[in-house]
């Protein structure tokens, strides 16, 4: 199965050029896409070339755990029944 995927990647490089394949792969990695079909879609649709549509930043903000370790300490101290 790996040989088929490698062959498909070589075909895409032949069709689109090595530089374009590298760009598409870099874009796919930034949005955590690893499927060959998705990479082929990126090469075909060129979402990475559209103005203003670069990889989106993570929607999860960096923060400290607001509850802290004491909240998750021993559960028998936090009985709800």
C-alpha atoms as a PDB file:
ATOM      1  CA  UNK A   1       0.000   0.000   0.000  1.00  0.00           C
ATOM      2  CA  UNK A   2       2.889   2.373   0.722  1.00  0.00           C
ATOM      3  CA  UNK A   3       4.269   1.823  -2.769  1.00  0.00           C
ATOM      4  CA  UNK A   4       0.956   2.889  -4.311  1.00  0.00           C
ATOM      5  CA  UNK A   5       0.889   6.065  -2.278  1.00  0.00           C
ATOM      6  CA  UNK A   6       4.484   6.839  -3.174  1.00  0.00           C
ATOM      7  CA  UNK A   7       3.650   6.290  -6.818  1.00  0.00           C
ATOM      8  CA  UNK A   8       0.632   8.596  -6.500  1.00  0.00           C
ATOM      9  CA  UNK A   9       2.837  11.290  -4.936  1.00  0.00           C
ATOM     10  CA  UNK A  10       5.337  10.956  -7.793  1.00  0.00           C
ATOM     11  CA  UNK A  11       2.461  11.353 -10.245  1.00  0.00           C
ATOM     12  CA  UNK A  12       1.286  14.519  -8.456  1.00  0.00           C
ATOM     13  CA  UNK A  13       4.838  15.892  -8.535  1.00  0.00           C
ATOM     14  CA  UNK A  14       4.975  15.200 -12.269  1.00  0.00           C
ATOM     15  CA  UNK A  15       1.600  16.918 -12.845  1.00  0.00           C
ATOM     16  CA  UNK A  16       2.058  19.923 -10.575  1.00  0.00           C
ATOM     17  CA  UNK A  17       5.824  20.199 -10.135  1.00  0.00           C
ATOM     18  CA  UNK A  18       8.003  19.465  -7.145  1.00  0.00           C
ATOM     19  CA  UNK A  19       7.775  22.993  -5.723  1.00  0.00           C
ATOM     20  CA  UNK A  20       3.964  23.027  -5.858  1.00  0.00           C
ATOM     21  CA  UNK A  21       3.785  19.596  -4.224  1.00  0.00           C
ATOM     22  CA  UNK A  22       6.069  20.834  -1.434  1.00  0.00           C
ATOM     23  CA  UNK A  23       3.849  23.899  -0.898  1.00  0.00           C
ATOM     24  CA  UNK A  24       0.721  21.761  -0.768  1.00  0.00           C
ATOM     25  CA  UNK A  25       2.343  19.340   1.674  1.00  0.00           C
ATOM     26  CA  UNK A  26       3.453  22.189   3.922  1.00  0.00           C
ATOM     27  CA  UNK A  27      -0.071  23.614   3.892  1.00  0.00           C
ATOM     28  CA  UNK A  28      -1.571  20.187   4.609  1.00  0.00           C
ATOM     29  CA  UNK A  29       0.715  19.757   7.611  1.00  0.00           C
ATOM     30  CA  UNK A  30      -0.266  23.131   9.075  1.00  0.00           C
ATOM     31  CA  UNK A  31      -3.926  22.107   9.047  1.00  0.00           C
ATOM     32  CA  UNK A  32      -3.128  18.548  10.140  1.00  0.00           C
ATOM     33  CA  UNK A  33      -4.248  16.803   6.958  1.00  0.00           C
ATOM     34  CA  UNK A  34      -2.456  13.566   6.159  1.00  0.00           C
ATOM     35  CA  UNK A  35      -4.690  11.769   3.627  1.00  0.00           C
ATOM     36  CA  UNK A  36      -3.548  11.465   0.023  1.00  0.00           C
ATOM     37  CA  UNK A  37      -7.027  12.323  -1.304  1.00  0.00           C
ATOM     38  CA  UNK A  38      -7.006  15.527   0.754  1.00  0.00           C
ATOM     39  CA  UNK A  39      -3.566  16.444  -0.563  1.00  0.00           C
ATOM     40  CA  UNK A  40      -4.802  15.888  -4.108  1.00  0.00           C
ATOM     41  CA  UNK A  41      -7.756  18.147  -3.340  1.00  0.00           C
ATOM     42  CA  UNK A  42      -5.387  20.858  -2.094  1.00  0.00           C
ATOM     43  CA  UNK A  43      -3.398  20.584  -5.304  1.00  0.00           C
ATOM     44  CA  UNK A  44      -6.575  20.773  -7.397  1.00  0.00           C
ATOM     45  CA  UNK A  45      -8.509  23.470  -5.490  1.00  0.00           C
ATOM     46  CA  UNK A  46      -5.494  25.515  -4.279  1.00  0.00           C
ATOM     47  CA  UNK A  47      -6.966  26.793  -0.994  1.00  0.00           C
ATOM     48  CA  UNK A  48      -3.461  27.765   0.121  1.00  0.00           C
ATOM     49  CA  UNK A  49      -3.214  30.196  -2.817  1.00  0.00           C
ATOM     50  CA  UNK A  50      -6.405  32.097  -1.964  1.00  0.00           C
ATOM     51  CA  UNK A  51      -5.769  35.495  -0.374  1.00  0.00           C
ATOM     52  CA  UNK A  52      -6.628  35.650   3.302  1.00  0.00           C
ATOM     53  CA  UNK A  53      -7.185  31.907   3.683  1.00  0.00           C
ATOM     54  CA  UNK A  54      -4.002  30.743   5.304  1.00  0.00           C
ATOM     55  CA  UNK A  55      -3.971  28.047   7.957  1.00  0.00           C
ATOM     56  CA  UNK A  56      -6.163  29.044  10.851  1.00  0.00           C
ATOM     57  CA  UNK A  57      -4.600  29.388  14.277  1.00  0.00           C
ATOM     58  CA  UNK A  58      -5.625  26.996  16.987  1.00  0.00           C
ATOM     59  CA  UNK A  59      -9.009  27.866  18.463  1.00  0.00           C
ATOM     60  CA  UNK A  60      -7.957  26.639  21.898  1.00  0.00           C
ATOM     61  CA  UNK A  61      -6.368  29.525  23.791  1.00  0.00           C
ATOM     62  CA  UNK A  62      -3.328  28.859  25.918  1.00  0.00           C
ATOM     63  CA  UNK A  63      -4.217  29.097  29.598  1.00  0.00           C
ATOM     64  CA  UNK A  64      -3.384  27.772  33.022  1.00  0.00           C
ATOM     65  CA  UNK A  65      -5.667  25.169  34.534  1.00  0.00           C
ATOM     66  CA  UNK A  66      -8.140  27.442  36.391  1.00  0.00           C
ATOM     67  CA  UNK A  67      -9.124  24.721  38.875  1.00  0.00           C
ATOM     68  CA  UNK A  68      -5.635  23.689  39.841  1.00  0.00           C
ATOM     69  CA  UNK A  69      -4.354  20.378  41.191  1.00  0.00           C
ATOM     70  CA  UNK A  70      -6.327  20.632  44.432  1.00  0.00           C
ATOM     71  CA  UNK A  71      -9.603  20.385  42.510  1.00  0.00           C
ATOM     72  CA  UNK A  72      -8.650  16.987  41.125  1.00  0.00           C
ATOM     73  CA  UNK A  73      -7.097  15.697  44.342  1.00  0.00           C
ATOM     74  CA  UNK A  74      -8.806  12.947  46.285  1.00  0.00           C
ATOM     75  CA  UNK A  75     -12.384  12.405  45.033  1.00  0.00           C
ATOM     76  CA  UNK A  76     -13.713  11.303  48.425  1.00  0.00           C
ATOM     77  CA  UNK A  77     -13.096  14.861  49.634  1.00  0.00           C
ATOM     78  CA  UNK A  78     -15.572  16.117  46.968  1.00  0.00           C
ATOM     79  CA  UNK A  79     -18.538  13.814  47.529  1.00  0.00           C
ATOM     80  CA  UNK A  80     -21.725  14.913  45.794  1.00  0.00           C
ATOM     81  CA  UNK A  81     -24.056  12.345  47.393  1.00  0.00           C
END
